[in-house]
């Protein structure tokens, strides 16, 4: 059977996602990830370097998958922007929350 490194990497990332979700980064074990992915443990180190870099790759993949699942339509920005106030050209409206900006420092009276 021919080896497919992309398929192996995908299996490792899937297994690592489940492992990190279940045990956290500190409790995750490379042995369990390799076993779940039906891959050699050595390949984790070849492809990702160490457990922390594997976690980074899992997180990066999850963020990319999440951002790809959110539809983006540039023509829809004006409607989304006009929620209570208009957006200046080229800027997005950001709702103001929390404390306002600090007042200027007081000057000593002489």
N, C-alpha and C. Protein backbone atom coordinates (compact mmCIF):
# COMPACT_ATOMS: atom_id res chain seq x y z
N UNK A 1 0.84 -1.18 0.00
CA UNK A 1 0.00 0.00 0.00
C UNK A 1 0.90 1.25 0.00
N UNK A 2 0.61 2.16 -0.92
CA UNK A 2 1.40 3.39 -1.01
C UNK A 2 1.06 4.31 0.16
N UNK A 3 2.07 5.01 0.61
CA UNK A 3 1.87 5.95 1.72
C UNK A 3 1.39 7.28 1.17
N UNK A 4 0.48 7.90 1.88
CA UNK A 4 -0.04 9.21 1.50
C UNK A 4 0.18 10.13 2.69
N UNK A 5 1.22 10.97 2.59
CA UNK A 5 1.58 11.82 3.73
C UNK A 5 0.46 12.81 4.07
N UNK A 6 -0.25 13.31 3.06
CA UNK A 6 -1.35 14.25 3.35
C UNK A 6 -2.47 13.57 4.13
N UNK A 7 -2.78 12.33 3.77
CA UNK A 7 -3.80 11.59 4.50
C UNK A 7 -3.34 11.30 5.93
N UNK A 8 -2.06 10.97 6.09
CA UNK A 8 -1.52 10.70 7.42
C UNK A 8 -1.56 11.96 8.28
N UNK A 9 -1.17 13.09 7.69
CA UNK A 9 -1.23 14.36 8.43
C UNK A 9 -2.66 14.68 8.84
N UNK A 10 -3.60 14.46 7.95
CA UNK A 10 -5.01 14.74 8.27
C UNK A 10 -5.50 13.84 9.41
N UNK A 11 -5.12 12.56 9.36
CA UNK A 11 -5.51 11.65 10.45
C UNK A 11 -4.87 12.08 11.77
N UNK A 12 -3.61 12.49 11.72
CA UNK A 12 -2.93 12.96 12.94
C UNK A 12 -3.61 14.20 13.50
N UNK A 13 -3.96 15.14 12.64
CA UNK A 13 -4.63 16.35 13.11
C UNK A 13 -6.01 16.04 13.68
N UNK A 14 -6.75 15.13 13.05
CA UNK A 14 -8.06 14.74 13.57
C UNK A 14 -7.93 14.08 14.94
N UNK A 15 -6.98 13.16 15.04
CA UNK A 15 -6.77 12.47 16.31
C UNK A 15 -6.28 13.44 17.39
N UNK A 16 -5.39 14.34 17.01
CA UNK A 16 -4.87 15.32 17.97
C UNK A 16 -5.97 16.27 18.43
N UNK A 17 -6.85 16.67 17.53
CA UNK A 17 -7.97 17.54 17.92
C UNK A 17 -8.79 16.87 19.01
N UNK A 18 -9.13 15.61 18.80
CA UNK A 18 -9.92 14.87 19.80
C UNK A 18 -9.15 14.72 21.11
N UNK A 19 -7.87 14.41 21.00
CA UNK A 19 -7.05 14.23 22.20
C UNK A 19 -6.93 15.52 23.00
N UNK A 20 -6.65 16.63 22.32
CA UNK A 20 -6.53 17.91 23.02
C UNK A 20 -7.86 18.35 23.59
N UNK A 21 -8.94 18.09 22.87
CA UNK A 21 -10.27 18.46 23.37
C UNK A 21 -10.63 17.67 24.61
N UNK A 22 -10.20 16.43 24.66
CA UNK A 22 -10.53 15.56 25.80
C UNK A 22 -9.62 15.80 27.00
N UNK A 23 -8.31 15.93 26.75
CA UNK A 23 -7.34 15.95 27.86
C UNK A 23 -6.62 17.28 28.05
N UNK A 24 -6.78 18.21 27.12
CA UNK A 24 -6.02 19.46 27.19
C UNK A 24 -4.60 19.24 26.72
N UNK A 25 -3.88 20.31 26.56
CA UNK A 25 -2.51 20.18 26.03
C UNK A 25 -1.59 19.46 27.02
N UNK A 26 -1.78 19.70 28.30
CA UNK A 26 -0.91 19.06 29.29
C UNK A 26 -1.21 17.57 29.43
N UNK A 27 -2.47 17.19 29.32
CA UNK A 27 -2.84 15.79 29.51
C UNK A 27 -2.80 14.95 28.25
N UNK A 28 -2.70 15.60 27.10
CA UNK A 28 -2.68 14.86 25.84
C UNK A 28 -1.41 14.04 25.73
N UNK A 29 -1.52 12.87 25.15
CA UNK A 29 -0.37 11.98 24.99
C UNK A 29 -0.15 11.67 23.52
N UNK A 30 1.09 11.85 23.09
CA UNK A 30 1.46 11.61 21.70
C UNK A 30 1.20 10.15 21.33
N UNK A 31 1.42 9.22 22.26
CA UNK A 31 1.17 7.80 22.00
C UNK A 31 -0.30 7.56 21.61
N UNK A 32 -1.21 8.17 22.36
CA UNK A 32 -2.64 7.99 22.06
C UNK A 32 -3.01 8.62 20.73
N UNK A 33 -2.42 9.78 20.43
CA UNK A 33 -2.70 10.44 19.16
C UNK A 33 -2.25 9.55 18.00
N UNK A 34 -1.05 9.03 18.08
CA UNK A 34 -0.53 8.16 17.02
C UNK A 34 -1.38 6.90 16.87
N UNK A 35 -1.76 6.32 17.99
CA UNK A 35 -2.59 5.11 17.94
C UNK A 35 -3.94 5.40 17.30
N UNK A 36 -4.58 6.48 17.70
CA UNK A 36 -5.89 6.84 17.14
C UNK A 36 -5.80 7.15 15.65
N UNK A 37 -4.67 7.70 15.23
CA UNK A 37 -4.47 8.06 13.82
C UNK A 37 -3.95 6.89 13.01
N UNK A 38 -3.66 5.77 13.67
CA UNK A 38 -3.07 4.60 13.02
C UNK A 38 -1.80 4.99 12.27
N UNK A 39 -0.96 5.73 13.00
CA UNK A 39 0.30 6.22 12.43
C UNK A 39 1.42 5.97 13.42
N UNK A 40 2.62 6.01 12.92
CA UNK A 40 3.81 5.85 13.74
C UNK A 40 4.01 7.13 14.56
N UNK A 41 4.27 6.97 15.83
CA UNK A 41 4.49 8.12 16.72
C UNK A 41 5.61 9.03 16.20
N UNK A 42 6.60 8.45 15.60
CA UNK A 42 7.73 9.21 15.06
C UNK A 42 7.27 10.25 14.03
N UNK A 43 6.20 9.92 13.29
CA UNK A 43 5.73 10.85 12.26
C UNK A 43 5.22 12.17 12.86
N UNK A 44 4.71 12.13 14.07
CA UNK A 44 4.27 13.37 14.73
C UNK A 44 5.46 14.32 14.85
N UNK A 45 6.59 13.76 15.25
CA UNK A 45 7.79 14.58 15.41
C UNK A 45 8.37 15.00 14.05
N UNK A 46 8.26 14.12 13.06
CA UNK A 46 8.75 14.46 11.71
C UNK A 46 7.92 15.60 11.13
N UNK A 47 6.60 15.48 11.21
CA UNK A 47 5.70 16.47 10.59
C UNK A 47 5.54 17.75 11.42
N UNK A 48 5.53 17.62 12.74
CA UNK A 48 5.16 18.77 13.59
C UNK A 48 6.22 19.21 14.59
N UNK A 49 7.24 18.44 14.80
CA UNK A 49 8.31 18.86 15.70
C UNK A 49 8.12 18.40 17.13
N UNK A 50 7.03 18.81 17.77
CA UNK A 50 6.75 18.41 19.14
C UNK A 50 5.26 18.58 19.41
N UNK A 51 4.84 18.23 20.61
CA UNK A 51 3.42 18.27 20.95
C UNK A 51 2.86 19.69 20.89
N UNK A 52 3.63 20.67 21.31
CA UNK A 52 3.16 22.06 21.29
C UNK A 52 2.96 22.55 19.85
N UNK A 53 3.87 22.17 18.97
CA UNK A 53 3.72 22.57 17.56
C UNK A 53 2.56 21.82 16.90
N UNK A 54 2.31 20.60 17.34
CA UNK A 54 1.14 19.86 16.86
C UNK A 54 -0.13 20.58 17.32
N UNK A 55 -0.14 21.01 18.57
CA UNK A 55 -1.29 21.76 19.08
C UNK A 55 -1.51 23.03 18.26
N UNK A 56 -0.42 23.74 17.94
CA UNK A 56 -0.53 24.95 17.11
C UNK A 56 -1.14 24.63 15.75
N UNK A 57 -0.72 23.51 15.16
CA UNK A 57 -1.26 23.10 13.85
C UNK A 57 -2.75 22.76 13.95
N UNK A 58 -3.13 22.09 15.03
CA UNK A 58 -4.55 21.76 15.25
C UNK A 58 -5.36 23.04 15.41
N UNK A 59 -4.85 23.97 16.19
CA UNK A 59 -5.55 25.23 16.40
C UNK A 59 -5.65 26.03 15.11
N UNK A 60 -4.57 26.09 14.35
CA UNK A 60 -4.58 26.80 13.07
C UNK A 60 -5.62 26.20 12.12
N UNK A 61 -5.65 24.89 12.06
CA UNK A 61 -6.63 24.21 11.20
C UNK A 61 -8.05 24.51 11.65
N UNK A 62 -8.30 24.49 12.94
CA UNK A 62 -9.64 24.77 13.47
C UNK A 62 -10.05 26.21 13.15
N UNK A 63 -9.12 27.16 13.29
CA UNK A 63 -9.44 28.56 12.97
C UNK A 63 -9.72 28.74 11.49
N UNK A 64 -8.94 28.09 10.64
CA UNK A 64 -9.17 28.20 9.20
C UNK A 64 -10.51 27.59 8.82
N UNK A 65 -10.82 26.43 9.39
CA UNK A 65 -12.10 25.78 9.11
C UNK A 65 -13.25 26.66 9.58
N UNK A 66 -13.10 27.25 10.76
CA UNK A 66 -14.15 28.12 11.28
C UNK A 66 -14.34 29.37 10.44
N UNK A 67 -13.25 29.98 10.02
CA UNK A 67 -13.37 31.22 9.24
C UNK A 67 -13.93 30.93 7.85
N UNK A 68 -13.64 29.75 7.30
CA UNK A 68 -14.18 29.38 6.00
C UNK A 68 -15.68 29.11 6.07
N UNK A 69 -16.18 28.75 7.25
CA UNK A 69 -17.59 28.43 7.38
C UNK A 69 -18.46 29.67 7.60
N UNK A 70 -17.85 30.82 7.83
CA UNK A 70 -18.59 32.06 8.02
C UNK A 70 -18.66 32.79 6.68
N UNK A 71 -19.86 32.98 6.15
CA UNK A 71 -19.95 33.65 4.84
C UNK A 71 -19.52 35.11 4.93
N UNK A 72 -18.85 35.57 3.90
CA UNK A 72 -18.43 36.96 3.83
C UNK A 72 -18.88 37.53 2.50
N UNK A 73 -19.58 38.64 2.55
CA UNK A 73 -20.06 39.31 1.35
C UNK A 73 -19.76 40.80 1.51
N UNK A 74 -18.82 41.31 0.74
CA UNK A 74 -18.42 42.72 0.86
C UNK A 74 -19.60 43.65 0.60
N UNK A 75 -20.54 43.24 -0.24
CA UNK A 75 -21.71 44.08 -0.51
C UNK A 75 -22.64 44.17 0.69
N UNK A 76 -22.52 43.25 1.62
CA UNK A 76 -23.37 43.22 2.80
C UNK A 76 -22.82 44.07 3.95
N UNK A 77 -21.58 44.53 3.84
CA UNK A 77 -20.96 45.30 4.92
C UNK A 77 -21.74 46.57 5.28
N UNK A 78 -22.22 47.36 4.30
CA UNK A 78 -22.95 48.56 4.71
C UNK A 78 -24.17 48.25 5.56
N UNK A 79 -24.92 47.19 5.24
CA UNK A 79 -26.09 46.84 6.05
C UNK A 79 -25.67 46.41 7.44
N UNK A 80 -24.62 45.61 7.52
CA UNK A 80 -24.14 45.15 8.83
C UNK A 80 -23.56 46.31 9.64
N UNK A 81 -23.02 47.25 8.96
CA UNK A 81 -22.36 48.37 9.62
C UNK A 81 -23.37 49.35 10.22
N UNK A 82 -24.52 49.47 9.62
CA UNK A 82 -25.51 50.46 10.04
C UNK A 82 -26.41 49.88 11.11
N UNK A 83 -25.87 49.66 12.26
CA UNK A 83 -26.65 49.18 13.41
C UNK A 83 -26.63 50.24 14.49
N UNK A 84 -27.36 51.29 14.26
CA UNK A 84 -27.42 52.35 15.25
C UNK A 84 -26.61 53.56 14.86
N UNK A 85 -25.59 53.37 14.07
CA UNK A 85 -24.82 54.51 13.60
C UNK A 85 -24.12 54.14 12.30
N UNK A 86 -23.82 55.12 11.54
CA UNK A 86 -23.18 54.90 10.24
C UNK A 86 -21.69 54.65 10.41
N UNK A 87 -21.14 53.88 9.50
CA UNK A 87 -19.70 53.66 9.48
C UNK A 87 -19.06 54.73 8.62
N UNK A 88 -18.00 55.34 9.08
CA UNK A 88 -17.24 56.21 8.19
C UNK A 88 -16.68 55.37 7.05
N UNK A 89 -16.48 55.97 5.91
CA UNK A 89 -15.98 55.24 4.75
C UNK A 89 -14.71 54.49 5.11
N UNK A 90 -14.70 53.20 4.79
CA UNK A 90 -13.50 52.39 5.00
C UNK A 90 -13.29 51.90 6.42
N UNK A 91 -14.22 52.17 7.33
CA UNK A 91 -14.07 51.72 8.72
C UNK A 91 -15.28 50.93 9.14
N UNK A 92 -15.08 49.96 9.98
CA UNK A 92 -16.18 49.18 10.51
C UNK A 92 -16.66 49.79 11.81
N UNK A 93 -17.95 49.70 12.04
CA UNK A 93 -18.49 50.17 13.31
C UNK A 93 -18.15 49.15 14.38
N UNK A 94 -17.58 49.59 15.44
CA UNK A 94 -17.26 48.72 16.56
C UNK A 94 -18.08 49.21 17.74
N UNK A 95 -18.95 48.35 18.27
CA UNK A 95 -19.76 48.81 19.39
C UNK A 95 -18.89 49.22 20.56
N UNK A 96 -19.25 50.30 21.17
CA UNK A 96 -18.49 50.77 22.32
C UNK A 96 -18.97 50.04 23.56
N UNK A 97 -18.04 49.42 24.21
CA UNK A 97 -18.34 48.73 25.46
C UNK A 97 -17.25 49.08 26.44
N UNK A 98 -17.56 48.96 27.67
CA UNK A 98 -16.56 49.22 28.68
C UNK A 98 -16.37 50.70 28.91
N UNK A 99 -15.36 51.05 29.69
CA UNK A 99 -15.15 52.45 30.02
C UNK A 99 -14.73 53.27 28.81
N UNK A 100 -15.13 54.50 28.82
CA UNK A 100 -14.75 55.42 27.74
C UNK A 100 -13.26 55.70 27.84
N UNK A 101 -12.74 56.37 26.86
CA UNK A 101 -11.31 56.68 26.92
C UNK A 101 -11.04 57.56 28.13
N UNK A 102 -9.82 57.50 28.59
CA UNK A 102 -9.45 58.27 29.78
C UNK A 102 -9.53 59.77 29.50
N UNK A 103 -9.91 60.52 30.51
CA UNK A 103 -9.88 61.98 30.35
C UNK A 103 -8.43 62.45 30.33
N UNK A 104 -8.18 63.61 29.75
CA UNK A 104 -6.81 64.10 29.72
C UNK A 104 -6.30 64.32 31.15
N UNK A 105 -4.99 64.22 31.35
CA UNK A 105 -4.46 64.42 32.71
C UNK A 105 -4.71 65.86 33.18
N UNK A 106 -4.92 65.99 34.49
CA UNK A 106 -5.17 67.32 35.05
C UNK A 106 -3.87 68.08 35.17
N UNK A 107 -3.97 69.32 34.88
CA UNK A 107 -2.79 70.19 35.00
C UNK A 107 -2.75 70.79 36.40
N UNK A 108 -1.56 70.93 36.90
CA UNK A 108 -1.41 71.53 38.24
C UNK A 108 -1.78 73.01 38.15
N UNK A 109 -2.51 73.47 39.15
CA UNK A 109 -2.90 74.87 39.23
C UNK A 109 -1.79 75.63 39.96
N UNK A 110 -1.30 76.66 39.32
CA UNK A 110 -0.23 77.43 39.96
C UNK A 110 -0.68 78.84 40.28
